[in-house]
Amino acid sequence: MGLLDQLAGQVVGSLSDAKQGSNPLLDIATQLIQSQGGIEGLLAKLQSGGLGTQADSWVSTGQSLPVASEQISNALGADTLEQLAGNTGLNTNQLAGGLASMLPQLIDQLTPNGSTAGANDLLSQGLGALLGGLKRQN
């Protein structure tokens, strides 16, 4: 099994675990990444919102630094959070808290070699495999 296959398997496993728990935050995090133009776009938004050190740590191969929900709210902005919260049943505070716990882990898993190169492809492959598996189960 190649390195990319292993990485995709790890992402799929992580995404599957989140899906099995009926966690809407995974869908929201994916929407957020897509709405920002991919991993690089989201990282740029977080960096410009004052979370450069934290975002860099999520990509690096070292320890990922935590982030507070207030920091996520400030970096993403109220409009973005309200738009993402839309039909989820979560308020923006709950959403910011969820993203604060999920984004460091998700970005860390999508950038296992300390680089964003291929992260969007890995996310697409992981979601594609996950969705394919869900369709076969139904």
C-alpha atoms as a PDB file:
ATOM      1  CA  MET A   1       0.000   0.000   0.000  1.00  0.00           C
ATOM      2  CA  GLY A   2       1.455   3.378  -1.006  1.00  0.00           C
ATOM      3  CA  LEU A   3       1.849   6.382   1.235  1.00  0.00           C
ATOM      4  CA  LEU A   4      -1.039   8.224  -0.432  1.00  0.00           C
ATOM      5  CA  ASP A   5      -3.280   5.186   0.068  1.00  0.00           C
ATOM      6  CA  GLN A   6      -2.326   5.056   3.748  1.00  0.00           C
ATOM      7  CA  LEU A   7      -2.993   8.767   4.201  1.00  0.00           C
ATOM      8  CA  ALA A   8      -6.314   8.554   2.399  1.00  0.00           C
ATOM      9  CA  GLY A   9      -7.220   5.585   4.604  1.00  0.00           C
ATOM     10  CA  GLN A  10      -6.448   7.591   7.730  1.00  0.00           C
ATOM     11  CA  VAL A  11      -8.561  10.505   6.555  1.00  0.00           C
ATOM     12  CA  VAL A  12     -11.413   8.197   5.554  1.00  0.00           C
ATOM     13  CA  GLY A  13     -11.231   6.503   8.957  1.00  0.00           C
ATOM     14  CA  SER A  14     -11.354   9.816  10.735  1.00  0.00           C
ATOM     15  CA  LEU A  15     -14.189  11.078   8.562  1.00  0.00           C
ATOM     16  CA  SER A  16     -16.083   7.804   9.012  1.00  0.00           C
ATOM     17  CA  ASP A  17     -15.792   8.063  12.770  1.00  0.00           C
ATOM     18  CA  ALA A  18     -17.193  11.577  12.654  1.00  0.00           C
ATOM     19  CA  LYS A  19     -20.002  10.529  10.295  1.00  0.00           C
ATOM     20  CA  GLN A  20     -20.993   7.543  12.409  1.00  0.00           C
ATOM     21  CA  GLY A  21     -21.458   9.908  15.329  1.00  0.00           C
ATOM     22  CA  SER A  22     -23.806  11.989  13.160  1.00  0.00           C
ATOM     23  CA  ASN A  23     -21.504  14.976  13.605  1.00  0.00           C
ATOM     24  CA  PRO A  24     -22.655  17.803  11.320  1.00  0.00           C
ATOM     25  CA  LEU A  25     -19.370  19.591  11.986  1.00  0.00           C
ATOM     26  CA  LEU A  26     -17.558  17.460   9.422  1.00  0.00           C
ATOM     27  CA  ASP A  27     -19.922  18.631   6.686  1.00  0.00           C
ATOM     28  CA  ILE A  28     -19.572  22.210   7.879  1.00  0.00           C
ATOM     29  CA  ALA A  29     -15.773  22.001   7.991  1.00  0.00           C
ATOM     30  CA  THR A  30     -15.791  20.612   4.450  1.00  0.00           C
ATOM     31  CA  GLN A  31     -18.108  23.410   3.294  1.00  0.00           C
ATOM     32  CA  LEU A  32     -15.822  25.934   4.956  1.00  0.00           C
ATOM     33  CA  ILE A  33     -12.744  24.563   3.215  1.00  0.00           C
ATOM     34  CA  GLN A  34     -14.531  24.542  -0.140  1.00  0.00           C
ATOM     35  CA  SER A  35     -15.954  28.043   0.325  1.00  0.00           C
ATOM     36  CA  GLN A  36     -12.467  29.399   0.991  1.00  0.00           C
ATOM     37  CA  GLY A  37     -11.009  27.846  -2.157  1.00  0.00           C
ATOM     38  CA  GLY A  38      -9.433  24.829  -0.487  1.00  0.00           C
ATOM     39  CA  ILE A  39      -7.024  24.240   2.375  1.00  0.00           C
ATOM     40  CA  GLU A  40      -4.675  27.028   1.287  1.00  0.00           C
ATOM     41  CA  GLY A  41      -7.533  29.534   1.150  1.00  0.00           C
ATOM     42  CA  LEU A  42      -8.814  28.583   4.585  1.00  0.00           C
ATOM     43  CA  LEU A  43      -5.310  28.774   6.051  1.00  0.00           C
ATOM     44  CA  ALA A  44      -4.835  32.221   4.498  1.00  0.00           C
ATOM     45  CA  LYS A  45      -8.112  33.411   6.028  1.00  0.00           C
ATOM     46  CA  LEU A  46      -7.158  32.066   9.448  1.00  0.00           C
ATOM     47  CA  GLN A  47      -3.688  33.601   9.194  1.00  0.00           C
ATOM     48  CA  SER A  48      -5.092  36.996   8.217  1.00  0.00           C
ATOM     49  CA  GLY A  49      -7.522  36.658  11.137  1.00  0.00           C
ATOM     50  CA  GLY A  50      -4.683  36.413  13.644  1.00  0.00           C
ATOM     51  CA  LEU A  51      -4.317  32.634  13.802  1.00  0.00           C
ATOM     52  CA  GLY A  52      -1.090  32.300  11.812  1.00  0.00           C
ATOM     53  CA  THR A  53       0.869  30.553  14.547  1.00  0.00           C
ATOM     54  CA  GLN A  54      -1.925  28.087  15.257  1.00  0.00           C
ATOM     55  CA  ALA A  55      -2.691  27.386  11.590  1.00  0.00           C
ATOM     56  CA  ASP A  56       0.994  26.855  10.823  1.00  0.00           C
ATOM     57  CA  SER A  57       1.222  24.353  13.688  1.00  0.00           C
ATOM     58  CA  TRP A  58      -1.687  22.325  12.257  1.00  0.00           C
ATOM     59  CA  VAL A  59       0.156  21.947   8.963  1.00  0.00           C
ATOM     60  CA  SER A  60       3.560  21.255  10.509  1.00  0.00           C
ATOM     61  CA  THR A  61       4.652  17.804  11.592  1.00  0.00           C
ATOM     62  CA  GLY A  62       4.962  18.923  15.227  1.00  0.00           C
ATOM     63  CA  GLN A  63       2.385  19.495  17.933  1.00  0.00           C
ATOM     64  CA  SER A  64      -0.836  21.215  16.817  1.00  0.00           C
ATOM     65  CA  LEU A  65      -1.656  24.247  18.913  1.00  0.00           C
ATOM     66  CA  PRO A  66      -5.199  24.591  20.254  1.00  0.00           C
ATOM     67  CA  VAL A  67      -7.497  27.415  19.288  1.00  0.00           C
ATOM     68  CA  ALA A  68     -10.416  28.924  21.199  1.00  0.00           C
ATOM     69  CA  SER A  69     -13.905  29.315  19.786  1.00  0.00           C
ATOM     70  CA  GLU A  70     -13.626  33.102  20.149  1.00  0.00           C
ATOM     71  CA  GLN A  71     -10.498  33.056  18.007  1.00  0.00           C
ATOM     72  CA  ILE A  72     -12.292  31.038  15.314  1.00  0.00           C
ATOM     73  CA  SER A  73     -15.237  33.452  15.456  1.00  0.00           C
ATOM     74  CA  ASN A  74     -12.956  36.454  15.046  1.00  0.00           C
ATOM     75  CA  ALA A  75     -10.912  34.895  12.248  1.00  0.00           C
ATOM     76  CA  LEU A  76     -13.860  33.618  10.211  1.00  0.00           C
ATOM     77  CA  GLY A  77     -16.281  36.435  10.958  1.00  0.00           C
ATOM     78  CA  ALA A  78     -19.904  36.413  12.045  1.00  0.00           C
ATOM     79  CA  ASP A  79     -21.260  36.345   8.484  1.00  0.00           C
ATOM     80  CA  THR A  80     -19.333  33.197   7.590  1.00  0.00           C
ATOM     81  CA  LEU A  81     -20.381  31.434  10.790  1.00  0.00           C
ATOM     82  CA  GLU A  82     -24.041  32.409  10.325  1.00  0.00           C
ATOM     83  CA  GLN A  83     -23.976  31.181   6.747  1.00  0.00           C
ATOM     84  CA  LEU A  84     -22.409  27.854   7.767  1.00  0.00           C
ATOM     85  CA  ALA A  85     -24.758  27.413  10.732  1.00  0.00           C
ATOM     86  CA  GLY A  86     -27.716  27.834   8.361  1.00  0.00           C
ATOM     87  CA  ASN A  87     -29.664  24.580   8.572  1.00  0.00           C
ATOM     88  CA  THR A  88     -27.547  22.703  11.102  1.00  0.00           C
ATOM     89  CA  GLY A  89     -29.472  23.413  14.279  1.00  0.00           C
ATOM     90  CA  LEU A  90     -26.302  24.804  15.837  1.00  0.00           C
ATOM     91  CA  ASN A  91     -25.921  28.402  16.893  1.00  0.00           C
ATOM     92  CA  THR A  92     -22.786  30.295  15.895  1.00  0.00           C
ATOM     93  CA  ASN A  93     -21.180  29.834  19.333  1.00  0.00           C
ATOM     94  CA  GLN A  94     -21.648  26.060  19.173  1.00  0.00           C
ATOM     95  CA  LEU A  95     -20.366  26.034  15.611  1.00  0.00           C
ATOM     96  CA  ALA A  96     -17.270  28.067  16.500  1.00  0.00           C
ATOM     97  CA  GLY A  97     -16.552  25.718  19.403  1.00  0.00           C
ATOM     98  CA  GLY A  98     -16.920  22.673  17.199  1.00  0.00           C
ATOM     99  CA  LEU A  99     -14.716  24.116  14.499  1.00  0.00           C
ATOM    100  CA  ALA A 100     -12.138  25.084  17.120  1.00  0.00           C
ATOM    101  CA  SER A 101     -11.842  21.435  18.112  1.00  0.00           C
ATOM    102  CA  MET A 102     -12.216  19.904  14.636  1.00  0.00           C
ATOM    103  CA  LEU A 103     -10.143  22.133  12.350  1.00  0.00           C
ATOM    104  CA  PRO A 104      -6.760  21.511  14.007  1.00  0.00           C
ATOM    105  CA  GLN A 105      -7.290  17.751  13.743  1.00  0.00           C
ATOM    106  CA  LEU A 106      -8.694  17.816  10.217  1.00  0.00           C
ATOM    107  CA  ILE A 107      -6.006  20.090   8.805  1.00  0.00           C
ATOM    108  CA  ASP A 108      -3.320  18.104  10.617  1.00  0.00           C
ATOM    109  CA  GLN A 109      -4.568  14.875   9.019  1.00  0.00           C
ATOM    110  CA  LEU A 110      -4.835  16.451   5.579  1.00  0.00           C
ATOM    111  CA  THR A 111      -1.259  17.754   5.767  1.00  0.00           C
ATOM    112  CA  PRO A 112       0.665  14.820   7.293  1.00  0.00           C
ATOM    113  CA  ASN A 113       3.987  15.731   5.685  1.00  0.00           C
ATOM    114  CA  GLY A 114       3.932  19.347   6.834  1.00  0.00           C
ATOM    115  CA  SER A 115       2.784  20.605   3.447  1.00  0.00           C
ATOM    116  CA  THR A 116      -0.543  21.594   1.937  1.00  0.00           C
ATOM    117  CA  ALA A 117       0.463  20.041  -1.393  1.00  0.00           C
ATOM    118  CA  GLY A 118      -2.141  17.410  -2.195  1.00  0.00           C
ATOM    119  CA  ALA A 119      -4.322  18.213   0.825  1.00  0.00           C
ATOM    120  CA  ASN A 120      -7.355  19.132  -1.270  1.00  0.00           C
ATOM    121  CA  ASP A 121      -6.939  15.948  -3.324  1.00  0.00           C
ATOM    122  CA  LEU A 122      -6.658  13.922  -0.137  1.00  0.00           C
ATOM    123  CA  LEU A 123      -9.815  15.544   1.221  1.00  0.00           C
ATOM    124  CA  SER A 124     -11.667  14.806  -2.037  1.00  0.00           C
ATOM    125  CA  GLN A 125     -10.447  11.203  -2.108  1.00  0.00           C
ATOM    126  CA  GLY A 126     -11.370  10.676   1.517  1.00  0.00           C
ATOM    127  CA  LEU A 127     -14.848  12.109   1.093  1.00  0.00           C
ATOM    128  CA  GLY A 128     -15.356  10.259  -2.182  1.00  0.00           C
ATOM    129  CA  ALA A 129     -14.424   6.940  -0.589  1.00  0.00           C
ATOM    130  CA  LEU A 130     -16.565   7.684   2.441  1.00  0.00           C
ATOM    131  CA  LEU A 131     -19.601   8.642   0.389  1.00  0.00           C
ATOM    132  CA  GLY A 132     -19.151   5.599  -1.830  1.00  0.00           C
ATOM    133  CA  GLY A 133     -19.037   3.384   1.243  1.00  0.00           C
ATOM    134  CA  LEU A 134     -22.175   4.989   2.643  1.00  0.00           C
ATOM    135  CA  LYS A 135     -24.050   4.438  -0.620  1.00  0.00           C
ATOM    136  CA  ARG A 136     -23.069   0.757  -0.676  1.00  0.00           C
ATOM    137  CA  GLN A 137     -24.301   0.327   2.899  1.00  0.00           C
ATOM    138  CA  ASN A 138     -27.748   1.759   2.134  1.00  0.00           C
END
